[in-house]
């Protein structure tokens, strides 16, 4: 009896080995290399292997580092809040107000249409719309709402967050919608039969059962925003920065050890955020 059991274990390891090999080569080893390089030294003209903490000491004692990380958290938090509200609203409408499965699929695909183009194209498309002489300012002036163009619509934190919300809202819609579709409709009917109002049903039945989807979407949005640097660069007009831009600037200056150290700190920060989110709900039920 032990031989068949042993064979099943061996078969399981063999089936998992290709994915394990891929993860080892393209995830674990690159991260290990980044960690190793983060302890190296660099001059203006060369990089030399060493084991020193100069890069981390400089980062952790520089006020610029804390300012950039604070800015990164600000973008992540505000974007998360907007995408959560929009994503939950869209998913709720699709799951509970659209009765036909055909229409649910059609409207869901409609939400994905902007994602058929490049992120950069969708991001840059906001520039002529929000510019000083763009469509938004022209419309507001023609309606008599403002007397002169608004400068803060473009190349500001507003435009950065607007682009983030536009780019990443679907990453919140998909997991929440998937979770809502699994909710047993009889639970909602039972809540109404017990005399619960629509708001009470939402807060006591739907939201608790949707927590796994909310957490998955939150992890997607937060990690994507914290690692994005192109959006911040273009939509802020290079007037603002996040950790991703800090890494990009170091790479542009060929300061790879400093960039690697910043990447390690960012990775640790993101892992702490994910671990904190995972403490609120067990998302293994969704996977």
Protein backbone atom coordinates (compact mmCIF):
# COMPACT_ATOMS: atom_id res chain seq x y z
CA UNK A 1 0.00 0.00 0.00
CA UNK A 2 2.94 2.34 0.56
CA UNK A 3 4.17 2.05 -3.02
CA UNK A 4 1.09 3.60 -4.70
CA UNK A 5 1.13 6.43 -2.15
CA UNK A 6 4.81 7.03 -2.84
CA UNK A 7 4.16 7.02 -6.57
CA UNK A 8 1.40 9.61 -6.15
CA UNK A 9 3.74 11.88 -4.19
CA UNK A 10 6.40 11.45 -6.88
CA UNK A 11 3.87 12.22 -9.61
CA UNK A 12 2.83 15.36 -7.74
CA UNK A 13 6.41 16.59 -7.50
CA UNK A 14 6.97 15.87 -11.19
CA UNK A 15 3.85 17.82 -12.15
CA UNK A 16 4.91 20.79 -10.00
CA UNK A 17 8.56 20.78 -11.12
CA UNK A 18 8.10 22.76 -14.42
CA UNK A 19 6.35 25.64 -12.62
CA UNK A 20 8.86 25.46 -9.78
CA UNK A 21 11.69 25.69 -12.29
CA UNK A 22 10.12 28.71 -14.00
CA UNK A 23 9.56 30.48 -10.67
CA UNK A 24 13.11 29.71 -9.58
CA UNK A 25 14.66 31.06 -12.79
CA UNK A 26 12.46 34.09 -13.38
CA UNK A 27 11.40 35.11 -9.88
CA UNK A 28 13.64 33.79 -7.10
CA UNK A 29 17.03 34.13 -8.82
CA UNK A 30 16.41 37.71 -10.09
CA UNK A 31 15.34 38.78 -6.60
CA UNK A 32 18.43 37.14 -5.11
CA UNK A 33 20.63 38.97 -7.63
CA UNK A 34 18.97 42.30 -6.80
CA UNK A 35 19.60 41.72 -3.09
CA UNK A 36 23.24 40.80 -3.77
CA UNK A 37 23.86 43.86 -5.98
CA UNK A 38 22.23 46.12 -3.38
CA UNK A 39 25.29 45.55 -1.14
CA UNK A 40 27.81 46.41 -3.88
CA UNK A 41 29.57 49.72 -4.22
CA UNK A 42 29.62 52.18 -7.08
CA UNK A 43 31.65 55.15 -8.24
CA UNK A 44 30.93 57.59 -11.02
CA UNK A 45 32.59 55.26 -13.51
CA UNK A 46 32.35 51.71 -12.19
CA UNK A 47 30.58 49.17 -10.00
CA UNK A 48 32.61 46.92 -7.75
CA UNK A 49 31.51 43.80 -5.81
CA UNK A 50 31.56 44.31 -2.07
CA UNK A 51 29.56 43.70 1.05
CA UNK A 52 28.72 47.05 2.55
CA UNK A 53 25.67 48.86 3.88
CA UNK A 54 26.46 52.25 2.33
CA UNK A 55 23.48 52.15 -0.04
CA UNK A 56 21.02 51.31 2.71
CA UNK A 57 22.60 53.79 5.10
CA UNK A 58 22.26 56.56 2.54
CA UNK A 59 18.64 55.67 1.77
CA UNK A 60 17.53 55.29 5.36
CA UNK A 61 19.18 58.53 6.51
CA UNK A 62 18.07 60.69 3.59
CA UNK A 63 14.93 62.82 4.08
CA UNK A 64 14.30 62.53 0.35
CA UNK A 65 13.70 58.79 0.74
CA UNK A 66 11.00 59.30 3.35
CA UNK A 67 9.40 62.08 1.33
CA UNK A 68 9.28 59.89 -1.79
CA UNK A 69 7.90 56.91 0.13
CA UNK A 70 5.25 59.13 1.72
CA UNK A 71 4.29 60.38 -1.73
CA UNK A 72 4.10 56.79 -2.97
CA UNK A 73 1.80 55.80 -0.10
CA UNK A 74 -0.35 58.84 -0.78
CA UNK A 75 -0.83 57.86 -4.42
CA UNK A 76 -1.52 54.24 -3.46
CA UNK A 77 -4.03 55.12 -0.72
CA UNK A 78 -6.01 57.69 -2.71
CA UNK A 79 -6.05 55.50 -5.83
CA UNK A 80 -7.13 52.50 -3.75
CA UNK A 81 -10.03 54.47 -2.24
CA UNK A 82 -11.34 55.67 -5.61
CA UNK A 83 -10.90 52.34 -7.38
CA UNK A 84 -12.62 50.54 -4.49
CA UNK A 85 -15.69 52.79 -4.64
CA UNK A 86 -15.91 52.68 -8.43
CA UNK A 87 -15.04 48.98 -8.70
CA UNK A 88 -17.51 47.94 -6.00
CA UNK A 89 -20.28 50.04 -7.56
CA UNK A 90 -19.72 48.62 -11.05
CA UNK A 91 -19.45 45.04 -9.78
CA UNK A 92 -22.57 45.44 -7.63
CA UNK A 93 -24.56 46.75 -10.58
CA UNK A 94 -23.41 43.93 -12.86
CA UNK A 95 -23.98 41.21 -10.28
CA UNK A 96 -27.31 42.24 -8.74
CA UNK A 97 -29.04 44.63 -11.11
CA UNK A 98 -28.30 43.00 -14.47
CA UNK A 99 -30.35 39.81 -14.50
CA UNK A 100 -29.39 38.46 -17.90
CA UNK A 101 -26.09 36.57 -18.08
CA UNK A 102 -25.68 37.74 -21.66
CA UNK A 103 -25.94 41.38 -20.63
CA UNK A 104 -23.59 40.79 -17.71
CA UNK A 105 -20.94 39.41 -20.04
CA UNK A 106 -21.56 42.15 -22.61
CA UNK A 107 -21.29 44.98 -20.06
CA UNK A 108 -18.26 43.39 -18.44
CA UNK A 109 -16.52 43.19 -21.82
CA UNK A 110 -17.48 46.83 -22.37
CA UNK A 111 -15.50 47.68 -19.23
CA UNK A 112 -12.45 45.95 -20.69
CA UNK A 113 -12.45 47.83 -24.01
CA UNK A 114 -10.01 50.55 -22.82
CA UNK A 115 -7.59 47.77 -21.83
CA UNK A 116 -7.31 46.65 -25.44
CA UNK A 117 -4.84 49.50 -25.97
CA UNK A 118 -1.49 50.24 -24.37
CA UNK A 119 -1.33 51.69 -20.87
CA UNK A 120 0.85 54.52 -22.14
CA UNK A 121 -1.62 55.44 -24.88
CA UNK A 122 -4.53 55.49 -22.43
CA UNK A 123 -2.49 57.57 -20.01
CA UNK A 124 -1.25 60.10 -22.56
CA UNK A 125 -4.79 60.51 -23.94
CA UNK A 126 -5.59 62.54 -20.82
CA UNK A 127 -2.98 65.19 -21.64
CA UNK A 128 -4.88 66.97 -24.47
CA UNK A 129 -8.09 66.63 -22.47
CA UNK A 130 -6.74 68.17 -19.25
CA UNK A 131 -4.33 70.69 -20.78
CA UNK A 132 -4.62 74.45 -20.31
CA UNK A 133 -6.26 74.73 -23.73
CA UNK A 134 -7.76 71.26 -23.56
CA UNK A 135 -11.34 70.08 -23.83
CA UNK A 136 -12.04 70.22 -20.09
CA UNK A 137 -10.97 73.84 -19.65
CA UNK A 138 -12.62 74.92 -22.91
CA UNK A 139 -15.91 73.35 -21.86
CA UNK A 140 -15.86 74.89 -18.38
CA UNK A 141 -15.07 78.33 -19.81
CA UNK A 142 -17.84 78.05 -22.42
CA UNK A 143 -20.33 77.10 -19.70
CA UNK A 144 -19.26 80.09 -17.62
CA UNK A 145 -18.10 77.93 -14.71
CA UNK A 146 -14.59 79.42 -14.74
CA UNK A 147 -13.12 82.61 -16.19
CA UNK A 148 -9.64 81.31 -16.94
CA UNK A 149 -8.10 77.86 -17.50
CA UNK A 150 -7.35 75.71 -14.49
CA UNK A 151 -3.65 74.89 -14.23
CA UNK A 152 -4.02 72.09 -11.69
CA UNK A 153 -5.90 69.76 -14.05
CA UNK A 154 -2.67 68.64 -15.69
CA UNK A 155 0.87 68.01 -14.42
CA UNK A 156 -0.32 67.72 -10.84
CA UNK A 157 -1.24 65.12 -8.24
CA UNK A 158 -4.80 65.32 -9.54
CA UNK A 159 -3.80 64.18 -13.04
CA UNK A 160 -1.54 61.44 -11.62
CA UNK A 161 -4.32 59.98 -9.47
CA UNK A 162 -6.85 60.34 -12.29
CA UNK A 163 -4.58 58.34 -14.60
CA UNK A 164 -3.99 55.71 -11.91
CA UNK A 165 -7.73 55.29 -11.34
CA UNK A 166 -8.32 55.02 -15.07
CA UNK A 167 -5.56 52.45 -15.50
CA UNK A 168 -6.26 50.19 -12.54
CA UNK A 169 -9.98 50.29 -11.74
CA UNK A 170 -10.60 47.10 -13.72
CA UNK A 171 -8.20 45.26 -11.40
CA UNK A 172 -10.67 46.05 -8.62
CA UNK A 173 -13.81 45.31 -10.64
CA UNK A 174 -12.83 41.79 -11.73
CA UNK A 175 -12.18 40.12 -8.33
CA UNK A 176 -15.12 41.87 -6.65
CA UNK A 177 -17.49 40.91 -9.47
CA UNK A 178 -16.20 37.34 -9.37
CA UNK A 179 -16.85 37.15 -5.61
CA UNK A 180 -20.31 38.69 -5.87
CA UNK A 181 -21.35 36.21 -8.53
CA UNK A 182 -20.63 33.41 -6.04
CA UNK A 183 -22.95 34.83 -3.39
CA UNK A 184 -26.03 32.70 -2.91
CA UNK A 185 -28.98 34.90 -3.87
CA UNK A 186 -31.14 33.10 -1.31
CA UNK A 187 -29.10 34.79 1.44
CA UNK A 188 -30.10 38.19 0.14
CA UNK A 189 -33.74 37.13 -0.16
CA UNK A 190 -33.62 35.81 3.42
CA UNK A 191 -32.26 39.16 4.62
CA UNK A 192 -35.12 41.02 2.93
CA UNK A 193 -37.65 38.52 4.33
CA UNK A 194 -36.25 39.15 7.81
CA UNK A 195 -37.01 42.85 7.41
CA UNK A 196 -33.54 44.13 6.53
CA UNK A 197 -33.32 47.29 4.48
CA UNK A 198 -31.23 47.52 1.34
CA UNK A 199 -28.43 49.27 3.23
CA UNK A 200 -28.49 46.68 6.03
CA UNK A 201 -28.35 43.87 3.47
CA UNK A 202 -25.41 45.59 1.78
CA UNK A 203 -23.41 46.12 4.98
CA UNK A 204 -24.28 42.87 6.79
CA UNK A 205 -24.50 40.37 3.94
CA UNK A 206 -22.95 41.51 0.67
CA UNK A 207 -19.86 43.39 1.90
CA UNK A 208 -18.74 40.66 4.38
CA UNK A 209 -19.12 38.00 1.68
CA UNK A 210 -17.25 40.20 -0.81
CA UNK A 211 -14.21 40.78 1.42
CA UNK A 212 -11.98 38.22 -0.37
CA UNK A 213 -12.57 39.94 -3.71
CA UNK A 214 -11.97 43.35 -2.16
CA UNK A 215 -8.68 42.19 -0.67
CA UNK A 216 -7.50 40.65 -3.95
CA UNK A 217 -8.37 43.83 -5.83
CA UNK A 218 -6.69 45.94 -3.16
CA UNK A 219 -3.49 43.91 -3.44
CA UNK A 220 -3.50 44.32 -7.23
CA UNK A 221 -4.11 48.07 -7.13
CA UNK A 222 -1.72 48.91 -4.29
CA UNK A 223 1.19 46.87 -5.68
CA UNK A 224 0.70 48.22 -9.22
CA UNK A 225 0.54 51.84 -8.08
CA UNK A 226 3.56 51.54 -5.80
CA UNK A 227 5.67 50.10 -8.62
CA UNK A 228 4.46 52.41 -11.40
CA UNK A 229 6.80 55.23 -12.40
CA UNK A 230 5.87 56.03 -16.00
CA UNK A 231 2.47 57.43 -15.01
CA UNK A 232 3.97 59.66 -12.33
CA UNK A 233 6.62 60.93 -14.70
CA UNK A 234 4.29 61.87 -17.56
CA UNK A 235 1.17 62.97 -15.68
CA UNK A 236 3.06 65.08 -13.13
CA UNK A 237 5.27 66.68 -15.76
CA UNK A 238 8.30 65.38 -13.82
CA UNK A 239 7.26 67.63 -10.92
CA UNK A 240 6.53 64.74 -8.57
CA UNK A 241 8.17 61.43 -7.75
CA UNK A 242 7.50 58.03 -6.26
CA UNK A 243 9.77 55.12 -5.39
CA UNK A 244 9.55 53.74 -8.91
CA UNK A 245 10.90 56.99 -10.32
CA UNK A 246 13.68 56.97 -7.73
CA UNK A 247 14.76 53.54 -8.99
CA UNK A 248 14.41 54.63 -12.62
CA UNK A 249 16.58 57.70 -12.03
CA UNK A 250 19.31 55.62 -10.38
CA UNK A 251 19.27 53.18 -13.29
CA UNK A 252 19.52 56.10 -15.73
CA UNK A 253 22.61 57.28 -13.86
CA UNK A 254 24.03 53.72 -13.90
CA UNK A 255 23.85 53.59 -10.10
CA UNK A 256 22.65 50.00 -10.07
CA UNK A 257 23.58 49.19 -6.43
CA UNK A 258 21.60 52.18 -5.18
CA UNK A 259 18.66 51.24 -7.44
CA UNK A 260 18.83 47.64 -6.19
CA UNK A 261 18.80 48.79 -2.55
CA UNK A 262 15.77 50.99 -3.19
CA UNK A 263 14.06 48.08 -4.95
CA UNK A 264 14.71 45.81 -1.97
CA UNK A 265 13.21 48.35 0.44
CA UNK A 266 10.21 48.78 -1.86
CA UNK A 267 9.77 45.01 -2.09
CA UNK A 268 9.86 44.65 1.70
CA UNK A 269 7.36 47.50 2.05
CA UNK A 270 4.97 45.95 -0.47
CA UNK A 271 5.23 42.54 1.23
CA UNK A 272 4.40 44.15 4.59
CA UNK A 273 1.36 45.85 3.04
CA UNK A 274 0.20 42.57 1.47
CA UNK A 275 0.74 40.67 4.72
CA UNK A 276 -1.32 43.30 6.55
CA UNK A 277 -4.16 43.01 4.05
CA UNK A 278 -4.12 39.23 4.23
CA UNK A 279 -4.68 39.35 7.97
CA UNK A 280 -8.19 40.70 7.41
CA UNK A 281 -9.45 37.86 5.22
CA UNK A 282 -8.49 34.41 3.97
CA UNK A 283 -8.26 34.83 0.20
CA UNK A 284 -7.40 31.16 -0.31
CA UNK A 285 -11.14 30.59 -0.59
CA UNK A 286 -11.07 32.61 -3.79
CA UNK A 287 -8.02 30.94 -5.33
